[in-house]
Protein backbone atom coordinates (compact mmCIF):
# COMPACT_ATOMS: atom_id res chain seq x y z
CA MET A 1 0.00 0.00 0.00
CA PRO A 2 1.47 3.42 -0.93
CA ARG A 3 2.35 5.74 1.91
CA LYS A 4 0.01 8.67 2.50
CA ALA A 5 1.42 12.12 1.86
CA ARG A 6 2.28 14.18 4.91
CA ILE A 7 -0.14 16.95 5.78
CA ASP A 8 1.46 20.28 6.61
CA ALA A 9 0.76 24.01 6.53
CA PRO A 10 2.03 27.12 8.32
CA GLY A 11 0.81 27.07 11.91
CA ALA A 12 0.20 23.31 12.02
CA LEU A 13 1.05 21.57 15.30
CA HIS A 14 2.92 18.26 14.89
CA HIS A 15 3.84 15.48 17.31
CA ILE A 16 6.92 13.90 15.74
CA ILE A 17 8.40 10.53 16.68
CA VAL A 18 11.77 9.43 15.30
CA ARG A 19 12.91 5.86 16.01
CA GLY A 20 16.22 4.09 15.49
CA ILE A 21 16.25 1.34 12.87
CA GLU A 22 15.24 -1.99 14.43
CA ARG A 23 14.73 0.02 17.64
CA ARG A 24 18.49 0.38 18.02
CA LYS A 25 20.00 3.24 19.99
CA ILE A 26 20.51 6.53 18.17
CA PHE A 27 22.31 8.11 21.14
CA LEU A 28 25.22 6.26 22.72
CA ASP A 29 26.36 8.99 25.11
CA ASP A 30 25.89 12.63 26.09
CA THR A 31 28.16 13.76 23.25
CA ASP A 32 25.64 12.33 20.78
CA ARG A 33 22.72 13.89 22.63
CA ASN A 34 24.38 17.30 22.79
CA SER A 35 25.25 17.12 19.08
CA PHE A 36 21.62 16.35 18.21
CA LEU A 37 20.33 19.22 20.36
CA ASP A 38 22.84 21.70 18.96
CA ARG A 39 21.77 20.74 15.45
CA LEU A 40 18.08 20.87 16.38
CA GLY A 41 18.40 24.31 17.97
CA THR A 42 20.29 25.76 15.02
CA ILE A 43 17.75 24.49 12.49
CA LEU A 44 14.72 25.60 14.52
CA LYS A 45 16.16 29.11 14.83
CA ASP A 46 17.16 29.23 11.15
CA THR A 47 13.65 28.24 10.07
CA THR A 48 11.78 30.04 12.90
CA THR A 49 10.03 26.78 13.81
CA PRO A 50 8.50 26.92 17.33
CA CYS A 51 9.22 23.96 19.61
CA PHE A 52 6.95 23.33 22.63
CA ALA A 53 8.17 19.98 23.93
CA TRP A 54 10.92 17.42 23.29
CA THR A 55 12.53 14.37 24.83
CA LEU A 56 15.53 12.24 23.87
CA ILE A 57 15.28 8.52 24.68
CA PRO A 58 18.22 6.21 23.77
CA ASN A 59 16.41 4.73 20.75
CA HIS A 60 13.90 7.43 19.83
CA VAL A 61 12.99 11.11 19.96
CA HIS A 62 9.74 12.99 20.59
CA LEU A 63 9.26 16.56 19.31
CA LEU A 64 6.25 18.88 19.43
CA LEU A 65 6.71 21.52 16.72
CA ARG A 66 4.59 24.13 15.01
CA THR A 67 5.29 24.57 11.30
CA GLY A 68 6.61 28.01 10.45
CA LEU A 69 7.07 29.17 6.89
CA THR A 70 9.57 26.40 6.22
CA PRO A 71 7.84 23.06 5.58
CA LEU A 72 8.23 20.48 8.32
CA SER A 73 9.71 18.02 5.81
CA THR A 74 12.59 20.45 5.15
CA VAL A 75 13.24 20.95 8.86
CA MET A 76 13.29 17.22 9.55
CA ARG A 77 15.39 16.36 6.50
CA ARG A 78 18.10 18.79 7.60
CA LEU A 79 17.99 17.51 11.17
CA LEU A 80 17.97 13.77 10.52
CA THR A 81 20.32 13.69 7.54
CA GLY A 82 22.89 15.85 9.29
CA TYR A 83 22.74 13.87 12.51
CA ALA A 84 22.94 10.50 10.73
CA VAL A 85 26.10 11.61 8.90
CA TYR A 86 27.61 12.78 12.19
CA PHE A 87 26.64 9.58 14.05
CA ASN A 88 27.94 7.22 11.38
CA ARG A 89 31.21 9.10 11.07
CA ARG A 90 31.78 9.29 14.82
CA HIS A 91 30.94 5.65 15.49
CA ARG A 92 32.45 4.31 12.27
CA ARG A 93 29.28 2.68 11.04
CA TYR A 94 27.40 2.56 7.72
CA GLY A 95 23.81 2.31 6.61
CA HIS A 96 20.53 3.72 7.84
CA LEU A 97 20.25 5.09 11.37
CA PHE A 98 16.52 5.77 11.54
CA GLN A 99 13.52 3.47 11.08
CA ASN A 100 11.70 4.27 7.83
CA ARG A 101 10.16 7.73 7.82
CA TYR A 102 9.68 9.68 11.02
CA LYS A 103 6.10 9.63 12.28
CA SER A 104 4.32 12.97 12.11
CA ILE A 105 0.86 13.48 13.63
CA LEU A 106 -0.88 16.76 12.91
CA CYS A 107 -2.65 17.76 16.13
CA GLN A 108 -5.63 19.87 17.03
CA GLU A 109 -4.19 22.45 19.41
CA ASP A 110 -7.22 22.65 21.66
CA PRO A 111 -7.55 20.35 23.60
CA TYR A 112 -4.36 18.39 22.82
CA LEU A 113 -1.45 20.83 23.20
CA LYS A 114 -1.09 20.60 26.98
CA GLU A 115 -1.79 16.85 26.93
CA LEU A 116 0.99 16.30 24.39
CA VAL A 117 3.48 18.45 26.31
CA ARG A 118 2.79 16.33 29.41
CA TYR A 119 2.92 13.04 27.52
CA ILE A 120 6.23 13.87 25.82
CA HIS A 121 7.89 15.19 28.96
CA LEU A 122 6.91 12.13 31.02
CA ASN A 123 8.69 9.77 28.61
CA PRO A 124 12.02 9.65 30.52
CA LEU A 125 10.12 8.57 33.64
CA ARG A 126 8.15 5.90 31.76
CA ALA A 127 11.40 4.68 30.16
CA LYS A 128 13.02 4.51 33.63
CA LEU A 129 15.78 6.93 32.63
CA VAL A 130 15.02 8.76 35.86
CA ALA A 131 13.92 7.27 39.17
CA ASP A 132 11.18 9.72 40.11
CA TYR A 133 9.53 13.04 39.30
CA LYS A 134 12.16 15.02 41.20
CA GLN A 135 14.90 13.61 38.97
CA LEU A 136 12.74 14.23 35.89
CA SER A 137 12.74 17.95 36.63
CA ARG A 138 16.53 17.96 36.34
CA TYR A 139 16.85 15.56 33.40
CA ARG A 140 18.91 17.53 30.87
CA PHE A 141 17.60 15.84 27.75
CA SER A 142 13.95 16.83 27.97
CA GLY A 143 12.12 20.11 27.62
CA HIS A 144 10.53 19.56 31.04
CA SER A 145 13.66 20.87 32.77
CA ILE A 146 13.41 24.05 30.67
CA LEU A 147 9.79 24.63 31.68
CA MET A 148 10.70 24.02 35.33
CA GLY A 149 13.51 26.60 35.14
CA LYS A 150 16.23 24.05 35.95
CA ASP A 151 17.91 24.48 32.55
CA LYS A 152 17.62 26.83 29.58
CA ASN A 153 18.05 27.11 25.84
CA ASP A 154 17.15 29.72 23.24
CA TRP A 155 14.99 27.60 20.92
CA GLN A 156 12.22 26.10 23.06
CA ASP A 157 9.11 28.27 23.42
CA ALA A 158 8.71 27.80 27.15
CA GLU A 159 6.96 31.15 27.56
CA TYR A 160 4.06 30.08 25.36
CA ILE A 161 3.46 26.84 27.26
CA LEU A 162 3.79 28.43 30.71
CA GLY A 163 1.40 31.15 29.56
CA LEU A 164 -1.28 28.48 29.14
CA PHE A 165 -1.20 27.95 32.92
CA ASP A 166 -0.82 31.48 34.31
CA LYS A 167 0.54 34.93 33.49
CA THR A 168 2.90 34.83 36.45
CA LYS A 169 5.87 32.59 35.69
CA SER A 170 6.29 31.21 39.23
CA LYS A 171 2.61 30.30 39.53
CA ALA A 172 2.57 28.94 35.98
CA ARG A 173 5.45 26.59 36.85
CA ARG A 174 3.62 25.33 39.95
CA LEU A 175 0.44 24.67 37.97
CA TYR A 176 2.36 23.07 35.12
CA SER A 177 4.26 20.84 37.55
CA SER A 178 1.03 19.74 39.22
CA PHE A 179 -0.50 19.02 35.81
CA VAL A 180 2.45 16.83 34.77
CA LYS A 181 2.44 14.94 38.10
CA LYS A 182 -1.23 14.06 37.61
CA GLY A 183 -0.34 12.44 34.31
CA ILE A 184 2.06 9.92 35.87
CA GLU A 185 -0.73 7.58 36.90
CA ASP A 186 -2.20 7.62 33.38
CA GLY A 187 0.71 5.51 32.11
CA ARG A 188 1.14 5.14 28.36
CA ARG A 189 -1.35 7.00 26.19
CA PRO A 190 -1.74 5.00 22.94
CA GLU A 191 -4.53 7.32 21.76
CA LEU A 192 -1.96 10.13 21.49
CA VAL A 193 0.39 8.28 19.14
CA GLY A 194 -1.59 5.81 17.05
CA GLY A 195 -4.97 4.99 15.52
CA GLY A 196 -6.64 7.89 13.76
CA LEU A 197 -10.21 6.67 14.37
CA ILE A 198 -9.61 6.22 18.09
CA ARG A 199 -7.88 9.58 18.38
CA SER A 200 -10.61 11.35 16.45
CA LEU A 201 -13.24 9.96 18.78
CA GLY A 202 -11.34 10.91 21.91
CA GLY A 203 -10.04 7.54 23.08
CA TRP A 204 -11.14 3.97 23.64
CA SER A 205 -13.96 4.93 26.01
CA ALA A 206 -15.58 7.03 23.30
CA VAL A 207 -15.19 4.21 20.78
CA LYS A 208 -16.89 1.74 23.12
CA ALA A 209 -19.72 4.19 23.79
CA LEU A 210 -20.44 4.43 20.05
CA ARG A 211 -20.53 0.66 19.43
CA GLY A 212 -23.75 -0.42 17.82
CA ARG A 213 -24.55 3.03 16.45
CA ALA A 214 -24.63 3.88 12.78
CA ASP A 215 -22.49 7.02 13.15
CA ARG A 216 -19.42 7.10 10.92
CA ILE A 217 -16.65 9.31 12.28
CA LYS A 218 -13.90 10.50 9.99
CA GLY A 219 -10.49 9.26 11.10
CA ASP A 220 -6.94 9.44 9.78
CA GLU A 221 -3.75 8.06 11.33
CA ARG A 222 -1.89 11.27 10.46
CA ILE A 223 -4.23 13.49 12.48
CA LEU A 224 -5.04 13.87 16.18
CA GLY A 225 -8.31 15.72 16.65
CA ASP A 226 -12.09 15.54 16.56
CA GLY A 227 -14.06 14.61 13.47
CA ASP A 228 -14.58 18.18 12.24
CA PHE A 229 -10.88 18.94 12.62
CA VAL A 230 -9.93 15.80 10.70
CA GLU A 231 -12.33 16.69 7.89
CA SER A 232 -11.05 20.27 7.60
CA VAL A 233 -7.38 19.23 7.62
CA LEU A 234 -7.92 16.58 4.96
CA LYS A 235 -9.77 19.09 2.79
CA VAL A 236 -7.00 21.69 3.01
CA GLY A 237 -4.34 19.04 2.42
CA GLN A 238 -6.17 17.71 -0.62
CA GLU A 239 -6.60 21.20 -2.06
CA GLN A 240 -2.87 21.86 -1.67
CA LEU A 241 -1.98 18.56 -3.34
CA GLU A 242 -4.39 19.17 -6.21
CA ARG A 243 -3.00 22.66 -6.77
CA ARG A 244 0.58 21.37 -6.91
CA TYR A 245 -0.50 18.57 -9.24
CA GLN A 246 -2.11 21.08 -11.57
CA TYR A 247 1.08 23.14 -11.63
CA GLN A 248 3.12 20.03 -12.45
CA THR A 249 0.82 18.79 -15.21
CA ARG A 250 0.89 22.21 -16.84
CA GLY A 251 4.66 22.26 -16.75
CA TYR A 252 4.83 25.09 -14.22
CA ASP A 253 8.28 24.94 -12.65
CA PHE A 254 10.78 27.26 -10.98
CA GLU A 255 11.67 29.01 -14.23
CA TRP A 256 7.98 29.62 -14.94
CA LEU A 257 7.60 31.03 -11.43
CA VAL A 258 10.54 33.40 -11.91
CA ASP A 259 8.87 34.68 -15.07
CA GLN A 260 5.54 35.16 -13.25
CA VAL A 261 7.20 37.15 -10.46
CA ALA A 262 9.15 39.24 -12.98
CA ARG A 263 5.92 40.18 -14.74
CA LEU A 264 4.19 40.95 -11.45
CA PHE A 265 6.94 43.37 -10.41
CA ASP A 266 7.52 44.67 -13.95
CA MET A 267 11.20 43.79 -14.00
CA GLY A 268 13.53 41.47 -15.89
CA THR A 269 13.92 37.89 -14.74
CA GLU A 270 17.64 38.44 -14.22
CA LYS A 271 16.84 41.06 -11.58
CA VAL A 272 14.54 38.69 -9.71
CA VAL A 273 17.30 36.12 -9.18
CA ARG A 274 20.39 38.35 -9.04
CA PRO A 275 22.48 38.18 -5.85
CA GLY A 276 22.71 41.16 -3.51
CA ARG A 277 20.32 43.20 -1.41
CA TYR A 278 18.88 45.56 -3.99
CA PRO A 279 15.50 46.68 -2.55
CA ASP A 280 13.49 45.77 -5.67
CA THR A 281 15.23 42.39 -5.95
CA VAL A 282 14.78 41.56 -2.26
CA LYS A 283 11.03 42.17 -2.50
CA ALA A 284 10.58 40.15 -5.70
CA ARG A 285 12.92 37.38 -4.54
CA SER A 286 11.00 37.08 -1.26
CA VAL A 287 7.72 36.56 -3.10
CA LEU A 288 9.47 34.08 -5.39
CA CYS A 289 10.78 32.08 -2.41
CA TYR A 290 7.40 32.04 -0.69
CA TRP A 291 5.49 30.81 -3.74
CA ALA A 292 8.26 28.35 -4.63
CA ALA A 293 8.07 26.77 -1.16
CA ARG A 294 4.31 26.87 -0.68
CA GLU A 295 2.96 26.30 -4.19
CA LEU A 296 5.67 24.19 -5.83
CA GLY A 297 7.03 22.46 -2.72
CA ILE A 298 10.64 23.53 -3.36
CA SER A 299 12.86 23.17 -0.27
CA THR A 300 14.97 25.93 1.26
CA LEU A 301 18.06 23.90 0.34
CA GLU A 302 17.06 23.88 -3.32
CA LEU A 303 16.20 27.59 -3.20
CA SER A 304 19.57 28.42 -1.65
CA LYS A 305 21.34 26.57 -4.47
CA ARG A 306 19.26 28.15 -7.25
CA LEU A 307 19.54 31.69 -5.90
CA GLY A 308 23.05 31.57 -4.48
CA ILE A 309 21.92 32.39 -0.94
CA SER A 310 22.21 30.57 2.40
CA GLN A 311 19.42 28.38 3.77
CA PRO A 312 18.72 30.80 6.65
CA THR A 313 18.40 33.62 4.10
CA ALA A 314 16.01 31.48 2.04
CA SER A 315 13.91 30.86 5.16
CA GLN A 316 13.86 34.58 5.97
CA SER A 317 12.88 35.34 2.38
CA ILE A 318 9.93 32.94 2.65
CA GLN A 319 8.73 34.70 5.79
CA ARG A 320 9.13 38.12 4.20
CA GLY A 321 7.40 36.90 1.05
CA GLU A 322 4.34 35.70 2.92
CA LYS A 323 3.92 39.12 4.51
CA ILE A 324 4.22 40.84 1.13
CA VAL A 325 1.75 38.46 -0.54
CA THR A 326 -0.74 38.83 2.31
CA GLU A 327 -0.40 42.59 2.66
CA HIS A 328 -0.76 43.31 -1.06
CA LYS A 329 -3.18 40.42 -1.73
CA LEU A 330 -0.99 39.09 -4.53
CA MET A 331 -2.19 36.16 -6.63
CA LEU A 332 0.07 33.72 -8.43
CA ILE A 333 -2.66 32.87 -10.95
CA GLU A 334 -5.76 35.01 -11.36
């Protein structure tokens, strides 16, 4: 059976699970863990991708990210490819490091955001990497220690999560801590990581309650949310896929897009793609990068190569381009 396409869009919340091939370890020591986190932090900042929760387990990783203007697939490709190269070189090994594709579940923010933060941050305790909750609060390789103020970094959006509990940071930490402690007795939460129908209904209890009824609830293994949310996400995802397919079948590619942007800004195509920070070029190039990423699915890596700019600059151009397109209500095709 062919794999389903990933569903993504700016602002989408994703629970990501990355496992080692054959469940083997992907971190052998703290040097590996620190290397992964350094790489993760750099990429999240380069792509302005918010991170709300994360945990490193010896053979897998959990991340809770919100897609910025750089597609999630680009973020994860940079992260996993770079780390795999590092790991294989350092440990003198060959072959795949990760199991198939990473798992990405698009999540309905309300009511699942806080639940997912708790679930992800309790993983070290469930995996017996720490003895108790007190040790969990000081475990360096989980975002829980950041939220508790025991550690810090510049790429996890702790302020946003704490703000969900209270405006005062000290009180927010107390409420957050109490919330996480209450989740310990819940054990593993399979409805948060597998089974689209079950997740869409709200868990096994809801499934059992509906047995014998004729209701048909929309479910999808890539989505965590209620039926209406699942329906809306699938519709948007399908529309995006159909639009890209239409572009491809009509032969619309990067060169065509450059020509469209040149006409829109009444300038030569050479000016659209020329290097440098000429004001007219920066504006046109930003729109070009935004439409290339969002409409044609071109990665920031590919854009950086085609335009002779760095990946961070390509990411910044995509952000700038979205603002220009939105502000001036620009249309790629009338």
